[in-house]
Every structure is written in C-alpha cells, then in structure tokens.
Amino acid sequence: MTEYANIESGNFKLYYKDSTKQVAYNDIIADFRGKKCRIIDGSHPHKPQSTGKVYYVPEKAPPHTTSNIAYPQVFELEWRKRVWKN
C-alpha cells in the first residue's frame, strides 16, 4: 500500500471527526449518503465561522477527473488548527 501525505492547508490539518487520525491524499471515505469518494485536497477555514472545504472525486474516477467541492461535514471531517511545539 502506498503512503500518501496528509492534507494540510495554511496552519490547519484535516482530521477525521472525533479522531486523532489525519486525512491523507487519496483516502477513500463515504459521504453521508454512503457514496465512496477519494479526498484529494482541501482549503482551510479563512474566518472563525467558516468550516473550510474539501476537494474530492468519485472512488473509481479516471485520472485527471475534475474535482468536486464539499464541506468537511459531508464526510465527517474537520479542520483543526496546527499546534506548534517548541
């Protein structure tokens, strides 16, 4: 199995909700309807009231398929601010 980089944007990292596991590029996740998709990127929240976005394609999409955009909650994901350790 190939290891992929975790999805990060600015000072934020994308996590599975209620978990300490980060979302990695190409992770296959089911949305709230049960449709399986591959998470390919995201953009962090730019305002306190924002939730950010995630970019995805259908699980079996051919290469170079245009991505779709959704709120992280659709996949039970969330952006968390990165904690810097000294």
N, C-alpha and C. Protein backbone atom coordinates (compact mmCIF):
# COMPACT_ATOMS: atom_id res chain seq x y z
N MET A 1 0.84 -1.18 0.00
CA MET A 1 0.00 0.00 0.00
C MET A 1 0.89 1.24 0.00
N THR A 2 0.54 2.19 -0.79
CA THR A 2 1.31 3.42 -0.90
C THR A 2 0.92 4.39 0.20
N GLU A 3 1.91 5.00 0.85
CA GLU A 3 1.66 6.02 1.86
C GLU A 3 1.56 7.38 1.16
N TYR A 4 0.58 8.16 1.52
CA TYR A 4 0.40 9.48 0.94
C TYR A 4 0.53 10.55 2.02
N ALA A 5 0.81 11.75 1.59
CA ALA A 5 0.95 12.88 2.51
C ALA A 5 -0.41 13.24 3.10
N ASN A 6 -0.37 13.71 4.34
CA ASN A 6 -1.59 14.20 4.98
C ASN A 6 -2.01 15.51 4.33
N ILE A 7 -3.31 15.79 4.37
CA ILE A 7 -3.82 17.01 3.77
C ILE A 7 -3.72 18.15 4.79
N GLU A 8 -3.02 19.21 4.40
CA GLU A 8 -2.81 20.38 5.23
C GLU A 8 -3.03 21.63 4.39
N SER A 9 -3.43 22.71 5.06
CA SER A 9 -3.64 23.98 4.37
C SER A 9 -3.39 25.10 5.37
N GLY A 10 -2.45 25.97 5.07
CA GLY A 10 -2.12 27.04 6.00
C GLY A 10 -1.67 26.46 7.32
N ASN A 11 -2.24 26.94 8.42
CA ASN A 11 -1.93 26.43 9.75
C ASN A 11 -2.93 25.38 10.21
N PHE A 12 -3.58 24.71 9.28
CA PHE A 12 -4.60 23.73 9.60
C PHE A 12 -4.27 22.36 9.02
N LYS A 13 -4.78 21.32 9.69
CA LYS A 13 -4.67 19.95 9.21
C LYS A 13 -6.08 19.37 9.17
N LEU A 14 -6.32 18.46 8.22
CA LEU A 14 -7.64 17.84 8.06
C LEU A 14 -7.67 16.52 8.82
N TYR A 15 -8.67 16.36 9.70
CA TYR A 15 -8.80 15.16 10.54
C TYR A 15 -10.16 14.51 10.34
N TYR A 16 -10.21 13.21 10.66
CA TYR A 16 -11.49 12.52 10.79
C TYR A 16 -12.13 13.05 12.06
N LYS A 17 -13.40 13.39 12.00
CA LYS A 17 -14.09 13.95 13.16
C LYS A 17 -14.05 12.96 14.32
N ASP A 18 -13.88 13.48 15.52
CA ASP A 18 -13.81 12.67 16.75
C ASP A 18 -12.68 11.64 16.71
N SER A 19 -11.57 11.99 16.07
CA SER A 19 -10.43 11.08 15.96
C SER A 19 -9.14 11.90 15.95
N THR A 20 -8.04 11.22 16.19
CA THR A 20 -6.73 11.89 16.09
C THR A 20 -6.06 11.54 14.77
N LYS A 21 -6.75 10.78 13.92
CA LYS A 21 -6.18 10.37 12.63
C LYS A 21 -6.36 11.47 11.59
N GLN A 22 -5.25 11.82 10.93
CA GLN A 22 -5.32 12.82 9.86
C GLN A 22 -5.77 12.18 8.56
N VAL A 23 -6.40 12.99 7.71
CA VAL A 23 -6.82 12.55 6.39
C VAL A 23 -5.62 12.67 5.45
N ALA A 24 -5.36 11.63 4.68
CA ALA A 24 -4.25 11.63 3.73
C ALA A 24 -4.79 11.74 2.30
N TYR A 25 -3.95 12.24 1.41
CA TYR A 25 -4.28 12.34 0.00
C TYR A 25 -4.71 10.96 -0.49
N ASN A 26 -5.81 10.89 -1.21
CA ASN A 26 -6.36 9.67 -1.81
C ASN A 26 -7.07 8.76 -0.81
N ASP A 27 -7.29 9.19 0.43
CA ASP A 27 -8.09 8.38 1.35
C ASP A 27 -9.49 8.20 0.76
N ILE A 28 -10.02 7.00 0.87
CA ILE A 28 -11.37 6.72 0.39
C ILE A 28 -12.31 6.79 1.58
N ILE A 29 -13.30 7.67 1.46
CA ILE A 29 -14.23 7.95 2.54
C ILE A 29 -15.65 7.98 1.98
N ALA A 30 -16.60 7.46 2.75
CA ALA A 30 -18.00 7.53 2.34
C ALA A 30 -18.62 8.83 2.84
N ASP A 31 -19.43 9.46 1.98
CA ASP A 31 -20.14 10.66 2.41
C ASP A 31 -21.38 10.25 3.21
N PHE A 32 -22.18 11.22 3.61
CA PHE A 32 -23.35 10.92 4.44
C PHE A 32 -24.40 10.09 3.72
N ARG A 33 -24.30 10.00 2.39
CA ARG A 33 -25.23 9.16 1.62
C ARG A 33 -24.70 7.75 1.41
N GLY A 34 -23.42 7.52 1.80
CA GLY A 34 -22.79 6.21 1.62
C GLY A 34 -21.99 6.12 0.34
N LYS A 35 -21.92 7.19 -0.46
CA LYS A 35 -21.16 7.20 -1.71
C LYS A 35 -19.67 7.33 -1.39
N LYS A 36 -18.86 6.41 -1.93
CA LYS A 36 -17.42 6.42 -1.66
C LYS A 36 -16.70 7.38 -2.59
N CYS A 37 -15.82 8.18 -1.99
CA CYS A 37 -15.06 9.20 -2.72
C CYS A 37 -13.61 9.20 -2.25
N ARG A 38 -12.73 9.73 -3.11
CA ARG A 38 -11.32 9.91 -2.75
C ARG A 38 -11.10 11.38 -2.43
N ILE A 39 -10.56 11.66 -1.25
CA ILE A 39 -10.25 13.04 -0.86
C ILE A 39 -8.91 13.39 -1.48
N ILE A 40 -8.87 14.50 -2.22
CA ILE A 40 -7.62 14.83 -2.92
C ILE A 40 -6.99 16.15 -2.47
N ASP A 41 -7.74 17.00 -1.76
CA ASP A 41 -7.16 18.26 -1.30
C ASP A 41 -8.19 18.98 -0.44
N GLY A 42 -7.86 20.19 -0.02
CA GLY A 42 -8.78 20.97 0.77
C GLY A 42 -8.29 22.38 0.97
N SER A 43 -9.16 23.22 1.49
CA SER A 43 -8.77 24.59 1.85
C SER A 43 -9.32 24.86 3.25
N HIS A 44 -8.45 25.38 4.10
CA HIS A 44 -8.79 25.61 5.50
C HIS A 44 -9.78 26.76 5.66
N PRO A 45 -10.41 26.87 6.84
CA PRO A 45 -11.32 27.99 7.10
C PRO A 45 -10.56 29.31 7.09
N HIS A 46 -11.13 30.32 6.49
CA HIS A 46 -10.49 31.64 6.43
C HIS A 46 -11.10 32.63 7.41
N LYS A 47 -12.21 32.25 8.03
CA LYS A 47 -12.88 33.08 9.04
C LYS A 47 -13.30 32.16 10.18
N PRO A 48 -13.46 32.69 11.38
CA PRO A 48 -13.85 31.84 12.51
C PRO A 48 -15.16 31.07 12.28
N GLN A 49 -16.11 31.67 11.58
CA GLN A 49 -17.39 31.00 11.36
C GLN A 49 -17.38 30.04 10.16
N SER A 50 -16.27 29.98 9.44
CA SER A 50 -16.15 29.11 8.26
C SER A 50 -15.72 27.70 8.67
N THR A 51 -16.03 26.73 7.82
CA THR A 51 -15.62 25.34 8.08
C THR A 51 -14.56 24.86 7.09
N GLY A 52 -14.24 25.69 6.09
CA GLY A 52 -13.31 25.26 5.06
C GLY A 52 -14.00 24.38 4.05
N LYS A 53 -13.21 23.79 3.17
CA LYS A 53 -13.74 22.92 2.10
C LYS A 53 -12.81 21.72 1.92
N VAL A 54 -13.35 20.67 1.32
CA VAL A 54 -12.53 19.54 0.88
C VAL A 54 -12.82 19.29 -0.59
N TYR A 55 -11.82 18.81 -1.30
CA TYR A 55 -11.94 18.51 -2.73
C TYR A 55 -11.88 17.00 -2.90
N TYR A 56 -12.80 16.46 -3.69
CA TYR A 56 -12.89 15.01 -3.82
C TYR A 56 -13.29 14.62 -5.23
N VAL A 57 -13.07 13.35 -5.55
CA VAL A 57 -13.53 12.75 -6.80
C VAL A 57 -14.19 11.43 -6.45
N PRO A 58 -15.07 10.91 -7.31
CA PRO A 58 -15.65 9.59 -7.06
C PRO A 58 -14.55 8.54 -6.91
N GLU A 59 -14.81 7.51 -6.13
CA GLU A 59 -13.79 6.49 -5.83
C GLU A 59 -13.13 5.92 -7.09
N LYS A 60 -13.90 5.62 -8.10
CA LYS A 60 -13.36 4.98 -9.30
C LYS A 60 -13.17 5.96 -10.46
N ALA A 61 -12.97 7.23 -10.15
CA ALA A 61 -12.80 8.24 -11.19
C ALA A 61 -11.49 8.03 -11.94
N PRO A 62 -11.49 8.21 -13.27
CA PRO A 62 -10.24 8.08 -14.03
C PRO A 62 -9.29 9.23 -13.68
N PRO A 63 -8.00 9.08 -14.00
CA PRO A 63 -7.04 10.16 -13.73
C PRO A 63 -7.47 11.47 -14.41
N HIS A 64 -7.11 12.56 -13.82
CA HIS A 64 -7.37 13.91 -14.33
C HIS A 64 -8.86 14.28 -14.33
N THR A 65 -9.64 13.62 -13.48
CA THR A 65 -11.05 13.98 -13.32
C THR A 65 -11.14 15.29 -12.56
N THR A 66 -12.00 16.19 -12.97
CA THR A 66 -12.20 17.45 -12.26
C THR A 66 -12.79 17.16 -10.89
N SER A 67 -12.22 17.82 -9.87
CA SER A 67 -12.66 17.55 -8.51
C SER A 67 -13.97 18.26 -8.17
N ASN A 68 -14.66 17.75 -7.18
CA ASN A 68 -15.86 18.35 -6.63
C ASN A 68 -15.48 18.99 -5.30
N ILE A 69 -16.30 19.91 -4.82
CA ILE A 69 -16.03 20.60 -3.57
C ILE A 69 -17.19 20.36 -2.61
N ALA A 70 -16.85 20.11 -1.34
CA ALA A 70 -17.87 19.91 -0.32
C ALA A 70 -17.38 20.45 1.02
N TYR A 71 -18.31 20.65 1.92
CA TYR A 71 -17.94 21.00 3.28
C TYR A 71 -17.39 19.74 3.96
N PRO A 72 -16.47 19.89 4.89
CA PRO A 72 -15.89 18.71 5.54
C PRO A 72 -16.94 17.84 6.26
N GLN A 73 -18.01 18.46 6.76
CA GLN A 73 -19.03 17.71 7.48
C GLN A 73 -19.70 16.64 6.63
N VAL A 74 -19.70 16.83 5.31
CA VAL A 74 -20.30 15.84 4.40
C VAL A 74 -19.61 14.48 4.58
N PHE A 75 -18.32 14.50 4.90
CA PHE A 75 -17.54 13.27 5.08
C PHE A 75 -17.17 13.02 6.54
N GLU A 76 -17.78 13.76 7.45
CA GLU A 76 -17.45 13.68 8.88
C GLU A 76 -15.97 13.95 9.12
N LEU A 77 -15.51 15.07 8.52
CA LEU A 77 -14.13 15.52 8.68
C LEU A 77 -14.16 16.90 9.31
N GLU A 78 -12.99 17.36 9.79
CA GLU A 78 -12.90 18.71 10.32
C GLU A 78 -11.47 19.22 10.23
N TRP A 79 -11.36 20.52 10.02
CA TRP A 79 -10.06 21.19 10.02
C TRP A 79 -9.72 21.55 11.46
N ARG A 80 -8.48 21.28 11.85
CA ARG A 80 -8.01 21.66 13.19
C ARG A 80 -6.75 22.50 13.04
N LYS A 81 -6.68 23.53 13.87
CA LYS A 81 -5.52 24.40 13.85
C LYS A 81 -4.29 23.62 14.30
N ARG A 82 -3.22 23.80 13.57
CA ARG A 82 -1.96 23.12 13.87
C ARG A 82 -1.40 23.64 15.20
N VAL A 83 -0.91 22.72 16.02
CA VAL A 83 -0.28 23.09 17.29
C VAL A 83 1.22 22.97 17.10
N TRP A 84 1.89 24.08 17.27
CA TRP A 84 3.36 24.10 17.11
C TRP A 84 4.02 23.80 18.43
N LYS A 85 4.95 22.87 18.43
CA LYS A 85 5.69 22.52 19.64
C LYS A 85 7.08 23.11 19.58
N ASN A 86 7.52 23.67 20.69
CA ASN A 86 8.88 24.24 20.76
C ASN A 86 9.92 23.18 21.03
